[in-house]
Amino acid sequence: MEFLVRTENLMPADVPDHTREHLRKAERERAMQLREAGILKRLWRVPGRNATIGLYEAADPTVLHEALTSLPMWKWMDVSVEALATHPQEQTGS
């Protein structure tokens, strides 16, 4: 299944800079692991906000949830997920 995932980082301003930088690095590393696993397909940033839009692929919503909650910044994220279905115009053949 494919999912459109919108996230916004709501980390409080009082998180120390060294902690913030450590989490950013860990977040990038985990995202690369999810890419290598074929779960994270595409990722876009939203200009002017600390937000992203991602295209994920997972066997089911539970697998997606496990992937998202494995992100180091998970506890500061506002997340919305939309399951995607193939449009008839995208189907090949007939």
PDB file of N, CA and C in Angstrom:
ATOM      1  N   MET A   1       0.846  -1.179   0.000  1.00  0.00           N
ATOM      2  CA  MET A   1       0.000   0.000   0.000  1.00  0.00           C
ATOM      3  C   MET A   1       0.890   1.240   0.000  1.00  0.00           C
ATOM      4  N   GLU A   2       0.406   2.272  -0.679  1.00  0.00           N
ATOM      5  CA  GLU A   2       1.106   3.556  -0.669  1.00  0.00           C
ATOM      6  C   GLU A   2       0.359   4.524   0.247  1.00  0.00           C
ATOM      7  N   PHE A   3       1.129   5.377   0.898  1.00  0.00           N
ATOM      8  CA  PHE A   3       0.580   6.343   1.837  1.00  0.00           C
ATOM      9  C   PHE A   3       1.219   7.700   1.615  1.00  0.00           C
ATOM     10  N   LEU A   4       0.412   8.751   1.663  1.00  0.00           N
ATOM     11  CA  LEU A   4       0.912  10.121   1.665  1.00  0.00           C
ATOM     12  C   LEU A   4       0.970  10.549   3.126  1.00  0.00           C
ATOM     13  N   VAL A   5       2.166  10.900   3.587  1.00  0.00           N
ATOM     14  CA  VAL A   5       2.372  11.226   5.001  1.00  0.00           C
ATOM     15  C   VAL A   5       2.853  12.664   5.113  1.00  0.00           C
ATOM     16  N   ARG A   6       2.099  13.460   5.851  1.00  0.00           N
ATOM     17  CA  ARG A   6       2.474  14.850   6.113  1.00  0.00           C
ATOM     18  C   ARG A   6       2.925  14.936   7.560  1.00  0.00           C
ATOM     19  N   THR A   7       4.117  15.508   7.777  1.00  0.00           N
ATOM     20  CA  THR A   7       4.611  15.681   9.143  1.00  0.00           C
ATOM     21  C   THR A   7       5.027  17.129   9.365  1.00  0.00           C
ATOM     22  N   GLU A   8       4.818  17.566  10.572  1.00  0.00           N
ATOM     23  CA  GLU A   8       5.322  18.880  10.978  1.00  0.00           C
ATOM     24  C   GLU A   8       6.036  18.687  12.308  1.00  0.00           C
ATOM     25  N   ASN A   9       7.261  19.201  12.389  1.00  0.00           N
ATOM     26  CA  ASN A   9       8.056  19.075  13.597  1.00  0.00           C
ATOM     27  C   ASN A   9       7.665  20.192  14.550  1.00  0.00           C
ATOM     28  N   LEU A  10       7.215  19.812  15.725  1.00  0.00           N
ATOM     29  CA  LEU A  10       6.766  20.781  16.724  1.00  0.00           C
ATOM     30  C   LEU A  10       7.674  20.764  17.956  1.00  0.00           C
ATOM     31  N   MET A  11       8.967  20.473  17.743  1.00  0.00           N
ATOM     32  CA  MET A  11       9.910  20.424  18.852  1.00  0.00           C
ATOM     33  C   MET A  11       9.934  21.775  19.567  1.00  0.00           C
ATOM     34  N   PRO A  12       9.846  21.746  20.884  1.00  0.00           N
ATOM     35  CA  PRO A  12       9.854  23.005  21.633  1.00  0.00           C
ATOM     36  C   PRO A  12      11.163  23.776  21.452  1.00  0.00           C
ATOM     37  N   ALA A  13      11.069  25.081  21.515  1.00  0.00           N
ATOM     38  CA  ALA A  13      12.238  25.946  21.327  1.00  0.00           C
ATOM     39  C   ALA A  13      13.265  25.775  22.434  1.00  0.00           C
ATOM     40  N   ASP A  14      12.854  25.260  23.593  1.00  0.00           N
ATOM     41  CA  ASP A  14      13.798  25.142  24.704  1.00  0.00           C
ATOM     42  C   ASP A  14      14.655  23.870  24.661  1.00  0.00           C
ATOM     43  N   VAL A  15      14.520  23.058  23.612  1.00  0.00           N
ATOM     44  CA  VAL A  15      15.394  21.896  23.460  1.00  0.00           C
ATOM     45  C   VAL A  15      16.795  22.423  23.130  1.00  0.00           C
ATOM     46  N   PRO A  16      17.809  22.000  23.878  1.00  0.00           N
ATOM     47  CA  PRO A  16      19.166  22.515  23.649  1.00  0.00           C
ATOM     48  C   PRO A  16      19.653  22.243  22.222  1.00  0.00           C
ATOM     49  N   ASP A  17      20.466  23.161  21.716  1.00  0.00           N
ATOM     50  CA  ASP A  17      20.966  23.054  20.339  1.00  0.00           C
ATOM     51  C   ASP A  17      21.691  21.740  20.081  1.00  0.00           C
ATOM     52  N   HIS A  18      22.522  21.284  21.034  1.00  0.00           N
ATOM     53  CA  HIS A  18      23.263  20.037  20.807  1.00  0.00           C
ATOM     54  C   HIS A  18      22.311  18.838  20.720  1.00  0.00           C
ATOM     55  N   THR A  19      21.246  18.852  21.496  1.00  0.00           N
ATOM     56  CA  THR A  19      20.244  17.783  21.435  1.00  0.00           C
ATOM     57  C   THR A  19      19.503  17.845  20.113  1.00  0.00           C
ATOM     58  N   ARG A  20      19.140  19.043  19.705  1.00  0.00           N
ATOM     59  CA  ARG A  20      18.434  19.253  18.435  1.00  0.00           C
ATOM     60  C   ARG A  20      19.275  18.740  17.264  1.00  0.00           C
ATOM     61  N   GLU A  21      20.573  19.063  17.262  1.00  0.00           N
ATOM     62  CA  GLU A  21      21.446  18.628  16.170  1.00  0.00           C
ATOM     63  C   GLU A  21      21.621  17.111  16.174  1.00  0.00           C
ATOM     64  N   HIS A  22      21.760  16.532  17.345  1.00  0.00           N
ATOM     65  CA  HIS A  22      21.869  15.076  17.448  1.00  0.00           C
ATOM     66  C   HIS A  22      20.615  14.399  16.883  1.00  0.00           C
ATOM     67  N   LEU A  23      19.453  14.920  17.223  1.00  0.00           N
ATOM     68  CA  LEU A  23      18.200  14.349  16.732  1.00  0.00           C
ATOM     69  C   LEU A  23      18.059  14.509  15.221  1.00  0.00           C
ATOM     70  N   ARG A  24      18.475  15.646  14.680  1.00  0.00           N
ATOM     71  CA  ARG A  24      18.412  15.844  13.223  1.00  0.00           C
ATOM     72  C   ARG A  24      19.278  14.823  12.495  1.00  0.00           C
ATOM     73  N   LYS A  25      20.484  14.599  13.016  1.00  0.00           N
ATOM     74  CA  LYS A  25      21.382  13.621  12.407  1.00  0.00           C
ATOM     75  C   LYS A  25      20.773  12.215  12.481  1.00  0.00           C
ATOM     76  N   ALA A  26      20.263  11.853  13.637  1.00  0.00           N
ATOM     77  CA  ALA A  26      19.644  10.539  13.807  1.00  0.00           C
ATOM     78  C   ALA A  26      18.414  10.383  12.912  1.00  0.00           C
ATOM     79  N   GLU A  27      17.669  11.459  12.743  1.00  0.00           N
ATOM     80  CA  GLU A  27      16.479  11.436  11.876  1.00  0.00           C
ATOM     81  C   GLU A  27      16.878  11.172  10.425  1.00  0.00           C
ATOM     82  N   ARG A  28      17.930  11.847   9.949  1.00  0.00           N
ATOM     83  CA  ARG A  28      18.412  11.624   8.576  1.00  0.00           C
ATOM     84  C   ARG A  28      18.874  10.180   8.395  1.00  0.00           C
ATOM     85  N   GLU A  29      19.605   9.666   9.383  1.00  0.00           N
ATOM     86  CA  GLU A  29      20.091   8.283   9.296  1.00  0.00           C
ATOM     87  C   GLU A  29      18.926   7.294   9.237  1.00  0.00           C
ATOM     88  N   ARG A  30      17.924   7.505  10.073  1.00  0.00           N
ATOM     89  CA  ARG A  30      16.767   6.591  10.069  1.00  0.00           C
ATOM     90  C   ARG A  30      16.001   6.698   8.763  1.00  0.00           C
ATOM     91  N   ALA A  31      15.854   7.896   8.231  1.00  0.00           N
ATOM     92  CA  ALA A  31      15.172   8.074   6.940  1.00  0.00           C
ATOM     93  C   ALA A  31      15.908   7.320   5.837  1.00  0.00           C
ATOM     94  N   MET A  32      17.230   7.347   5.859  1.00  0.00           N
ATOM     95  CA  MET A  32      18.001   6.606   4.858  1.00  0.00           C
ATOM     96  C   MET A  32      17.768   5.108   5.007  1.00  0.00           C
ATOM     97  N   GLN A  33      17.661   4.623   6.223  1.00  0.00           N
ATOM     98  CA  GLN A  33      17.375   3.208   6.445  1.00  0.00           C
ATOM     99  C   GLN A  33      15.990   2.848   5.901  1.00  0.00           C
ATOM    100  N   LEU A  34      15.030   3.727   6.105  1.00  0.00           N
ATOM    101  CA  LEU A  34      13.678   3.473   5.585  1.00  0.00           C
ATOM    102  C   LEU A  34      13.677   3.506   4.056  1.00  0.00           C
ATOM    103  N   ARG A  35      14.500   4.370   3.464  1.00  0.00           N
ATOM    104  CA  ARG A  35      14.644   4.371   1.997  1.00  0.00           C
ATOM    105  C   ARG A  35      15.228   3.052   1.513  1.00  0.00           C
ATOM    106  N   GLU A  36      16.307   2.619   2.169  1.00  0.00           N
ATOM    107  CA  GLU A  36      16.954   1.369   1.778  1.00  0.00           C
ATOM    108  C   GLU A  36      16.014   0.173   1.916  1.00  0.00           C
ATOM    109  N   ALA A  37      15.109   0.233   2.879  1.00  0.00           N
ATOM    110  CA  ALA A  37      14.128  -0.836   3.088  1.00  0.00           C
ATOM    111  C   ALA A  37      12.958  -0.747   2.106  1.00  0.00           C
ATOM    112  N   GLY A  38      12.914   0.331   1.313  1.00  0.00           N
ATOM    113  CA  GLY A  38      11.829   0.499   0.342  1.00  0.00           C
ATOM    114  C   GLY A  38      10.548   1.058   0.923  1.00  0.00           C
ATOM    115  N   ILE A  39      10.603   1.541   2.154  1.00  0.00           N
ATOM    116  CA  ILE A  39       9.403   2.082   2.792  1.00  0.00           C
ATOM    117  C   ILE A  39       9.221   3.555   2.454  1.00  0.00           C
ATOM    118  N   LEU A  40      10.278   4.336   2.560  1.00  0.00           N
ATOM    119  CA  LEU A  40      10.223   5.754   2.199  1.00  0.00           C
ATOM    120  C   LEU A  40      10.609   5.885   0.733  1.00  0.00           C
ATOM    121  N   LYS A  41       9.647   6.278  -0.090  1.00  0.00           N
ATOM    122  CA  LYS A  41       9.865   6.365  -1.530  1.00  0.00           C
ATOM    123  C   LYS A  41      10.315   7.753  -1.977  1.00  0.00           C
ATOM    124  N   ARG A  42       9.658   8.777  -1.463  1.00  0.00           N
ATOM    125  CA  ARG A  42       9.970  10.165  -1.840  1.00  0.00           C
ATOM    126  C   ARG A  42       9.736  11.039  -0.626  1.00  0.00           C
ATOM    127  N   LEU A  43      10.463  12.173  -0.580  1.00  0.00           N
ATOM    128  CA  LEU A  43      10.304  13.098   0.529  1.00  0.00           C
ATOM    129  C   LEU A  43      10.479  14.517   0.021  1.00  0.00           C
ATOM    130  N   TRP A  44       9.539  15.377   0.371  1.00  0.00           N
ATOM    131  CA  TRP A  44       9.600  16.789  -0.005  1.00  0.00           C
ATOM    132  C   TRP A  44       9.531  17.621   1.270  1.00  0.00           C
ATOM    133  N   ARG A  45      10.203  18.765   1.270  1.00  0.00           N
ATOM    134  CA  ARG A  45      10.031  19.693   2.381  1.00  0.00           C
ATOM    135  C   ARG A  45       8.996  20.723   1.970  1.00  0.00           C
ATOM    136  N   VAL A  46       8.354  21.312   2.960  1.00  0.00           N
ATOM    137  CA  VAL A  46       7.349  22.332   2.726  1.00  0.00           C
ATOM    138  C   VAL A  46       8.019  23.677   2.980  1.00  0.00           C
ATOM    139  N   PRO A  47       8.202  24.503   1.948  1.00  0.00           N
ATOM    140  CA  PRO A  47       8.887  25.781   2.135  1.00  0.00           C
ATOM    141  C   PRO A  47       8.197  26.646   3.201  1.00  0.00           C
ATOM    142  N   GLY A  48       9.021  27.261   4.035  1.00  0.00           N
ATOM    143  CA  GLY A  48       8.501  28.172   5.049  1.00  0.00           C
ATOM    144  C   GLY A  48       8.001  27.500   6.316  1.00  0.00           C
ATOM    145  N   ARG A  49       8.095  26.166   6.377  1.00  0.00           N
ATOM    146  CA  ARG A  49       7.629  25.445   7.567  1.00  0.00           C
ATOM    147  C   ARG A  49       8.616  24.338   7.896  1.00  0.00           C
ATOM    148  N   ASN A  50       8.587  23.874   9.092  1.00  0.00           N
ATOM    149  CA  ASN A  50       9.413  22.736   9.490  1.00  0.00           C
ATOM    150  C   ASN A  50       8.566  21.481   9.271  1.00  0.00           C
ATOM    151  N   ALA A  51       8.270  21.223   7.994  1.00  0.00           N
ATOM    152  CA  ALA A  51       7.330  20.168   7.640  1.00  0.00           C
ATOM    153  C   ALA A  51       7.792  19.436   6.386  1.00  0.00           C
ATOM    154  N   THR A  52       7.303  18.200   6.253  1.00  0.00           N
ATOM    155  CA  THR A  52       7.603  17.398   5.071  1.00  0.00           C
ATOM    156  C   THR A  52       6.347  16.710   4.567  1.00  0.00           C
ATOM    157  N   ILE A  53       6.417  16.297   3.313  1.00  0.00           N
ATOM    158  CA  ILE A  53       5.412  15.428   2.719  1.00  0.00           C
ATOM    159  C   ILE A  53       6.175  14.246   2.157  1.00  0.00           C
ATOM    160  N   GLY A  54       5.763  13.044   2.531  1.00  0.00           N
ATOM    161  CA  GLY A  54       6.474  11.858   2.089  1.00  0.00           C
ATOM    162  C   GLY A  54       5.549  10.853   1.439  1.00  0.00           C
ATOM    163  N   LEU A  55       6.101  10.119   0.491  1.00  0.00           N
ATOM    164  CA  LEU A  55       5.411   8.991  -0.116  1.00  0.00           C
ATOM    165  C   LEU A  55       6.031   7.740   0.467  1.00  0.00           C
ATOM    166  N   TYR A  56       5.243   6.970   1.173  1.00  0.00           N
ATOM    167  CA  TYR A  56       5.698   5.751   1.830  1.00  0.00           C
ATOM    168  C   TYR A  56       4.982   4.560   1.221  1.00  0.00           C
ATOM    169  N   GLU A  57       5.639   3.412   1.281  1.00  0.00           N
ATOM    170  CA  GLU A  57       5.010   2.166   0.858  1.00  0.00           C
ATOM    171  C   GLU A  57       5.224   1.138   1.959  1.00  0.00           C
ATOM    172  N   ALA A  58       4.142   0.540   2.411  1.00  0.00           N
ATOM    173  CA  ALA A  58       4.208  -0.454   3.483  1.00  0.00           C
ATOM    174  C   ALA A  58       3.128  -1.503   3.252  1.00  0.00           C
ATOM    175  N   ALA A  59       3.339  -2.669   3.808  1.00  0.00           N
ATOM    176  CA  ALA A  59       2.391  -3.770   3.617  1.00  0.00           C
ATOM    177  C   ALA A  59       1.001  -3.431   4.145  1.00  0.00           C
ATOM    178  N   ASP A  60       0.948  -2.667   5.227  1.00  0.00           N
ATOM    179  CA  ASP A  60      -0.334  -2.283   5.817  1.00  0.00           C
ATOM    180  C   ASP A  60      -0.109  -1.101   6.764  1.00  0.00           C
ATOM    181  N   PRO A  61      -1.184  -0.528   7.288  1.00  0.00           N
ATOM    182  CA  PRO A  61      -1.031   0.630   8.178  1.00  0.00           C
ATOM    183  C   PRO A  61      -0.195   0.353   9.429  1.00  0.00           C
ATOM    184  N   THR A  62      -0.220  -0.857   9.936  1.00  0.00           N
ATOM    185  CA  THR A  62       0.570  -1.185  11.120  1.00  0.00           C
ATOM    186  C   THR A  62       2.063  -1.089  10.820  1.00  0.00           C
ATOM    187  N   VAL A  63       2.483  -1.601   9.680  1.00  0.00           N
ATOM    188  CA  VAL A  63       3.891  -1.522   9.285  1.00  0.00           C
ATOM    189  C   VAL A  63       4.297  -0.060   9.104  1.00  0.00           C
ATOM    190  N   LEU A  64       3.432   0.746   8.500  1.00  0.00           N
ATOM    191  CA  LEU A  64       3.721   2.174   8.357  1.00  0.00           C
ATOM    192  C   LEU A  64       3.854   2.828   9.722  1.00  0.00           C
ATOM    193  N   HIS A  65       2.938   2.523  10.625  1.00  0.00           N
ATOM    194  CA  HIS A  65       2.991   3.101  11.969  1.00  0.00           C
ATOM    195  C   HIS A  65       4.310   2.754  12.651  1.00  0.00           C
ATOM    196  N   GLU A  66       4.746   1.513  12.523  1.00  0.00           N
ATOM    197  CA  GLU A  66       6.015   1.105  13.124  1.00  0.00           C
ATOM    198  C   GLU A  66       7.182   1.891  12.533  1.00  0.00           C
ATOM    199  N   ALA A  67       7.150   2.123  11.225  1.00  0.00           N
ATOM    200  CA  ALA A  67       8.215   2.895  10.574  1.00  0.00           C
ATOM    201  C   ALA A  67       8.212   4.338  11.076  1.00  0.00           C
ATOM    202  N   LEU A  68       7.047   4.948  11.141  1.00  0.00           N
ATOM    203  CA  LEU A  68       6.962   6.347  11.570  1.00  0.00           C
ATOM    204  C   LEU A  68       7.372   6.515  13.031  1.00  0.00           C
ATOM    205  N   THR A  69       6.948   5.596  13.879  1.00  0.00           N
ATOM    206  CA  THR A  69       7.287   5.723  15.302  1.00  0.00           C
ATOM    207  C   THR A  69       8.746   5.391  15.567  1.00  0.00           C
ATOM    208  N   SER A  70       9.444   4.854  14.585  1.00  0.00           N
ATOM    209  CA  SER A  70      10.876   4.590  14.747  1.00  0.00           C
ATOM    210  C   SER A  70      11.724   5.837  14.483  1.00  0.00           C
ATOM    211  N   LEU A  71      11.102   6.896  13.994  1.00  0.00           N
ATOM    212  CA  LEU A  71      11.834   8.136  13.727  1.00  0.00           C
ATOM    213  C   LEU A  71      12.195   8.818  15.047  1.00  0.00           C
ATOM    214  N   PRO A  72      13.436   9.248  15.206  1.00  0.00           N
ATOM    215  CA  PRO A  72      13.865   9.858  16.472  1.00  0.00           C
ATOM    216  C   PRO A  72      13.049  11.079  16.903  1.00  0.00           C
ATOM    217  N   MET A  73      12.487  11.816  15.964  1.00  0.00           N
ATOM    218  CA  MET A  73      11.717  13.018  16.317  1.00  0.00           C
ATOM    219  C   MET A  73      10.219  12.743  16.438  1.00  0.00           C
ATOM    220  N   TRP A  74       9.852  11.467  16.418  1.00  0.00           N
ATOM    221  CA  TRP A  74       8.439  11.069  16.426  1.00  0.00           C
ATOM    222  C   TRP A  74       7.621  11.801  17.488  1.00  0.00           C
ATOM    223  N   LYS A  75       8.140  11.897  18.710  1.00  0.00           N
ATOM    224  CA  LYS A  75       7.318  12.458  19.795  1.00  0.00           C
ATOM    225  C   LYS A  75       7.012  13.938  19.619  1.00  0.00           C
ATOM    226  N   TRP A  76       7.706  14.610  18.694  1.00  0.00           N
ATOM    227  CA  TRP A  76       7.434  16.030  18.437  1.00  0.00           C
ATOM    228  C   TRP A  76       6.731  16.244  17.105  1.00  0.00           C
ATOM    229  N   MET A  77       6.283  15.194  16.470  1.00  0.00           N
ATOM    230  CA  MET A  77       5.684  15.327  15.139  1.00  0.00           C
ATOM    231  C   MET A  77       4.159  15.356  15.196  1.00  0.00           C
ATOM    232  N   ASP A  78       3.620  16.246  14.400  1.00  0.00           N
ATOM    233  CA  ASP A  78       2.195  16.210  14.092  1.00  0.00           C
ATOM    234  C   ASP A  78       2.120  15.488  12.749  1.00  0.00           C
ATOM    235  N   VAL A  79       1.422  14.358  12.691  1.00  0.00           N
ATOM    236  CA  VAL A  79       1.430  13.495  11.503  1.00  0.00           C
ATOM    237  C   VAL A  79       0.011  13.293  11.000  1.00  0.00           C
ATOM    238  N   SER A  80      -0.136  13.361   9.685  1.00  0.00           N
ATOM    239  CA  SER A  80      -1.399  12.941   9.068  1.00  0.00           C
ATOM    240  C   SER A  80      -1.051  11.973   7.934  1.00  0.00           C
ATOM    241  N   VAL A  81      -1.867  10.946   7.798  1.00  0.00           N
ATOM    242  CA  VAL A  81      -1.621   9.880   6.833  1.00  0.00           C
ATOM    243  C   VAL A  81      -2.857   9.694   5.973  1.00  0.00           C
ATOM    244  N   GLU A  82      -2.618   9.569   4.675  1.00  0.00           N
ATOM    245  CA  GLU A  82      -3.692   9.252   3.730  1.00  0.00           C
ATOM    246  C   GLU A  82      -3.285   8.006   2.958  1.00  0.00           C
ATOM    247  N   ALA A  83      -4.121   6.958   3.030  1.00  0.00           N
ATOM    248  CA  ALA A  83      -3.883   5.772   2.208  1.00  0.00           C
ATOM    249  C   ALA A  83      -4.218   6.135   0.767  1.00  0.00           C
ATOM    250  N   LEU A  84      -3.402   5.678  -0.162  1.00  0.00           N
ATOM    251  CA  LEU A  84      -3.603   6.008  -1.570  1.00  0.00           C
ATOM    252  C   LEU A  84      -4.051   4.757  -2.345  1.00  0.00           C
ATOM    253  N   ALA A  85      -4.954   4.965  -3.283  1.00  0.00           N
ATOM    254  CA  ALA A  85      -5.417   3.891  -4.154  1.00  0.00           C
ATOM    255  C   ALA A  85      -5.149   4.305  -5.598  1.00  0.00           C
ATOM    256  N   THR A  86      -4.829   3.336  -6.419  1.00  0.00           N
ATOM    257  CA  THR A  86      -4.525   3.620  -7.823  1.00  0.00           C
ATOM    258  C   THR A  86      -5.775   4.119  -8.540  1.00  0.00           C
ATOM    259  N   HIS A  87      -5.617   5.194  -9.276  1.00  0.00           N
ATOM    260  CA  HIS A  87      -6.696   5.751 -10.085  1.00  0.00           C
ATOM    261  C   HIS A  87      -6.827   4.910 -11.357  1.00  0.00           C
ATOM    262  N   PRO A  88      -8.044   4.705 -11.857  1.00  0.00           N
ATOM    263  CA  PRO A  88      -8.219   3.900 -13.074  1.00  0.00           C
ATOM    264  C   PRO A  88      -7.392   4.398 -14.260  1.00  0.00           C
ATOM    265  N   GLN A  89      -7.144   5.691 -14.364  1.00  0.00           N
ATOM    266  CA  GLN A  89      -6.351   6.211 -15.469  1.00  0.00           C
ATOM    267  C   GLN A  89      -4.877   5.808 -15.373  1.00  0.00           C
ATOM    268  N   GLU A  90      -4.434   5.389 -14.188  1.00  0.00           N
ATOM    269  CA  GLU A  90      -3.044   4.987 -13.989  1.00  0.00           C
ATOM    270  C   GLU A  90      -2.820   3.522 -14.298  1.00  0.00           C
ATOM    271  N   GLN A  91      -3.891   2.774 -14.430  1.00  0.00           N
ATOM    272  CA  GLN A  91      -3.751   1.343 -14.711  1.00  0.00           C
ATOM    273  C   GLN A  91      -3.408   1.138 -16.177  1.00  0.00           C
ATOM    274  N   THR A  92      -2.470   0.249 -16.389  1.00  0.00           N
ATOM    275  CA  THR A  92      -2.057  -0.050 -17.772  1.00  0.00           C
ATOM    276  C   THR A  92      -2.845  -1.249 -18.280  1.00  0.00           C
ATOM    277  N   GLY A  93      -2.778  -1.442 -19.542  1.00  0.00           N
ATOM    278  CA  GLY A  93      -3.481  -2.579 -20.133  1.00  0.00           C
ATOM    279  C   GLY A  93      -4.693  -2.118 -20.907  1.00  0.00           C
ATOM    280  N   SER A  94      -5.752  -2.875 -20.813  1.00  0.00           N
ATOM    281  CA  SER A  94      -6.998  -2.656 -21.562  1.00  0.00           C
ATOM    282  C   SER A  94      -7.165  -1.281 -21.960  1.00  0.00           C
TER     283      SER A  94
END
